[in-house]
Structures are given as C-alpha cells and as structure tokens.
Amino acid sequence: MLMKNPASHFMTDAWMEASGVQNPAAFGCFPRFLQLSREAKTISLEETIRKMTGANAERFNIKDRGVLRQGLAADITVFNGDTVRDNTSTSGTAAPPQGVEEVFINGVHVVTKGKINSALRPGKVVR
C-alpha cells in the first residue's frame, strides 16, 4: 500500500563504507524497488522510476536532475527490467545487484557491462 501512495517517494540515505559490514540499502535499495515493481506488480515500472528520480528532484527543488532532457546532468542507469534484482542479504551486505548494465554520472560512463570503474569520481554534492 505504501508503494502505491501518491505521496511516497523511493530514496535512501545509505552510503558505502571503505570496508566492513555495509548498509545493504547502499547496494540494493533501488534494485529492490524495481524488483518489487516487476514481481509484485504493485505499481508500474514507469511510476517506480518516477518515484526514484523526477519526483524526488521536484520535491527537493533540484532543477538539473531527475529527468532526461538536453542540458541537464546526465545521471542515467541502464538496467534489464526482466532481471534487475537486489542481491543483498544479512551475510552479503555488499552484494552488487543483478541486471544493472550501465551507469552514467554527470555524463561519465562509470559502470560498463556491470563492471564499476572505481577510478572515476564524477559525482558531486547536490545542494
């Protein structure tokens, strides 16, 4: 019911630590919502993505993110809607998700064919 609520948005305040036990949400939050959308058919895939992206940018008045439009920051995740899945567990808190193929942050290609280029750091704090 919460996923369907028009006021709900999907986000996390989790971050990755340099080592040790991780907060599983840092790796699996958004893949889990996409997986729930597909498997439980609670809300559409399009609405799930909107609640993760544009709805959050709008709520926090972030003007250059949240939608794909020329001139805006190119933060893009390419995933397979049939296979995207959260793989974290209590014993595998840093398990990478399945089905995330490509990621661009500020237009920089940081994940290629599921492999992260950890030397790249194109992100920035959004105020």
Protein backbone atom coordinates (compact mmCIF):
# COMPACT_ATOMS: atom_id res chain seq x y z
CA MET A 1 0.00 0.00 0.00
CA LEU A 2 2.84 2.40 0.80
CA MET A 3 4.38 2.00 -2.67
CA LYS A 4 1.04 2.97 -4.22
CA ASN A 5 0.56 6.06 -2.08
CA PRO A 6 0.93 9.20 -4.26
CA ALA A 7 2.96 10.91 -1.51
CA SER A 8 5.57 8.13 -1.31
CA HIS A 9 8.98 8.53 -2.89
CA PHE A 10 11.77 5.98 -3.14
CA MET A 11 15.14 7.06 -1.80
CA THR A 12 17.84 6.12 0.67
CA ASP A 13 20.31 7.91 2.89
CA ALA A 14 22.69 4.93 2.93
CA TRP A 15 26.32 5.19 1.84
CA MET A 16 29.15 2.74 1.27
CA GLU A 17 31.88 2.35 3.88
CA ALA A 18 35.52 1.80 2.88
CA SER A 19 35.44 -1.68 4.46
CA GLY A 20 33.46 -3.94 6.76
CA VAL A 21 29.73 -4.54 7.04
CA GLN A 22 27.73 -2.32 4.73
CA ASN A 23 24.23 -0.94 4.91
CA PRO A 24 22.50 -3.19 2.35
CA ALA A 25 20.43 -0.23 1.14
CA ALA A 26 23.61 1.31 -0.33
CA PHE A 27 23.68 -1.57 -2.83
CA GLY A 28 20.12 -2.82 -3.04
CA CYS A 29 17.56 -0.09 -2.34
CA PHE A 30 16.71 0.91 -5.91
CA PRO A 31 17.13 -2.56 -7.45
CA ARG A 32 14.75 -3.83 -4.74
CA PHE A 33 12.06 -1.29 -5.69
CA LEU A 34 12.44 -2.21 -9.38
CA GLN A 35 12.27 -5.91 -8.47
CA LEU A 36 9.13 -5.35 -6.35
CA SER A 37 7.54 -3.41 -9.19
CA ARG A 38 8.14 -6.32 -11.56
CA GLU A 39 7.31 -9.21 -9.24
CA ALA A 40 4.50 -7.83 -7.08
CA LYS A 41 3.06 -5.60 -9.82
CA THR A 42 2.20 -3.11 -7.08
CA ILE A 43 2.86 -0.10 -9.32
CA SER A 44 4.12 0.25 -12.87
CA LEU A 45 7.80 0.27 -13.73
CA GLU A 46 7.40 3.81 -15.07
CA GLU A 47 5.87 5.05 -11.80
CA THR A 48 8.59 3.27 -9.79
CA ILE A 49 11.28 5.05 -11.80
CA ARG A 50 9.48 8.40 -11.45
CA LYS A 51 9.32 7.96 -7.65
CA MET A 52 13.11 7.33 -7.64
CA THR A 53 14.09 10.18 -9.92
CA GLY A 54 11.92 13.06 -11.10
CA ALA A 55 9.56 13.07 -8.13
CA ASN A 56 12.49 13.39 -5.72
CA ALA A 57 14.19 16.11 -7.75
CA GLU A 58 10.92 18.01 -7.86
CA ARG A 59 10.24 17.60 -4.12
CA PHE A 60 13.72 18.88 -3.23
CA ASN A 61 13.68 21.59 -5.93
CA ILE A 62 16.74 20.17 -7.72
CA LYS A 63 16.43 21.71 -11.17
CA ASP A 64 19.13 19.91 -13.20
CA ARG A 65 18.36 16.30 -12.32
CA GLY A 66 15.55 13.77 -12.24
CA VAL A 67 14.55 13.70 -15.90
CA LEU A 68 16.29 13.06 -19.22
CA ARG A 69 16.45 16.38 -21.02
CA GLN A 70 19.10 18.15 -23.07
CA GLY A 71 21.23 20.46 -20.92
CA LEU A 72 20.59 18.64 -17.64
CA ALA A 73 23.01 16.42 -15.72
CA ALA A 74 23.16 13.01 -17.39
CA ASP A 75 22.64 10.67 -14.44
CA ILE A 76 21.46 7.51 -16.19
CA THR A 77 21.16 3.87 -15.13
CA VAL A 78 20.58 1.27 -17.84
CA PHE A 79 19.10 -1.93 -16.44
CA ASN A 80 17.37 -5.07 -17.64
CA GLY A 81 13.78 -4.83 -16.39
CA ASP A 82 13.42 -8.63 -16.56
CA THR A 83 16.43 -9.41 -14.37
CA VAL A 84 17.14 -6.42 -12.11
CA ARG A 85 17.27 -7.66 -8.54
CA ASP A 86 18.64 -6.80 -5.10
CA ASN A 87 21.18 -9.46 -4.09
CA THR A 88 21.99 -8.21 -0.59
CA SER A 89 21.39 -10.34 2.48
CA THR A 90 22.31 -10.31 6.16
CA SER A 91 25.53 -12.15 5.32
CA GLY A 92 26.19 -10.41 1.98
CA THR A 93 25.60 -6.74 2.77
CA ALA A 94 27.71 -5.51 -0.18
CA ALA A 95 26.39 -7.85 -2.88
CA PRO A 96 26.05 -5.97 -6.17
CA PRO A 97 22.63 -6.00 -7.81
CA GLN A 98 21.80 -8.13 -10.81
CA GLY A 99 20.62 -6.56 -14.06
CA VAL A 100 22.31 -3.14 -13.79
CA GLU A 101 24.28 -2.92 -17.02
CA GLU A 102 25.46 0.68 -17.49
CA VAL A 103 25.61 3.77 -15.26
CA PHE A 104 26.44 7.35 -16.22
CA ILE A 105 27.02 10.02 -13.56
CA ASN A 106 27.11 13.58 -14.85
CA GLY A 107 27.51 12.04 -18.31
CA VAL A 108 30.58 9.98 -17.32
CA HIS A 109 30.32 6.23 -18.02
CA VAL A 110 31.15 4.70 -14.61
CA VAL A 111 29.65 1.21 -14.99
CA THR A 112 30.16 -0.73 -18.21
CA LYS A 113 28.61 -4.19 -18.69
CA GLY A 114 28.07 -4.36 -14.92
CA LYS A 115 31.70 -3.53 -14.03
CA ILE A 116 32.45 -0.39 -11.98
CA ASN A 117 35.38 1.86 -12.93
CA SER A 118 36.24 2.91 -9.38
CA ALA A 119 38.91 5.37 -10.60
CA LEU A 120 36.17 7.68 -11.87
CA ARG A 121 34.54 10.09 -9.41
CA PRO A 122 32.19 12.32 -11.43
CA GLY A 123 29.58 12.77 -8.71
CA LYS A 124 29.08 15.97 -6.75
CA VAL A 125 27.15 17.09 -3.73
CA VAL A 126 23.76 18.43 -4.78
CA ARG A 127 22.61 21.31 -2.61
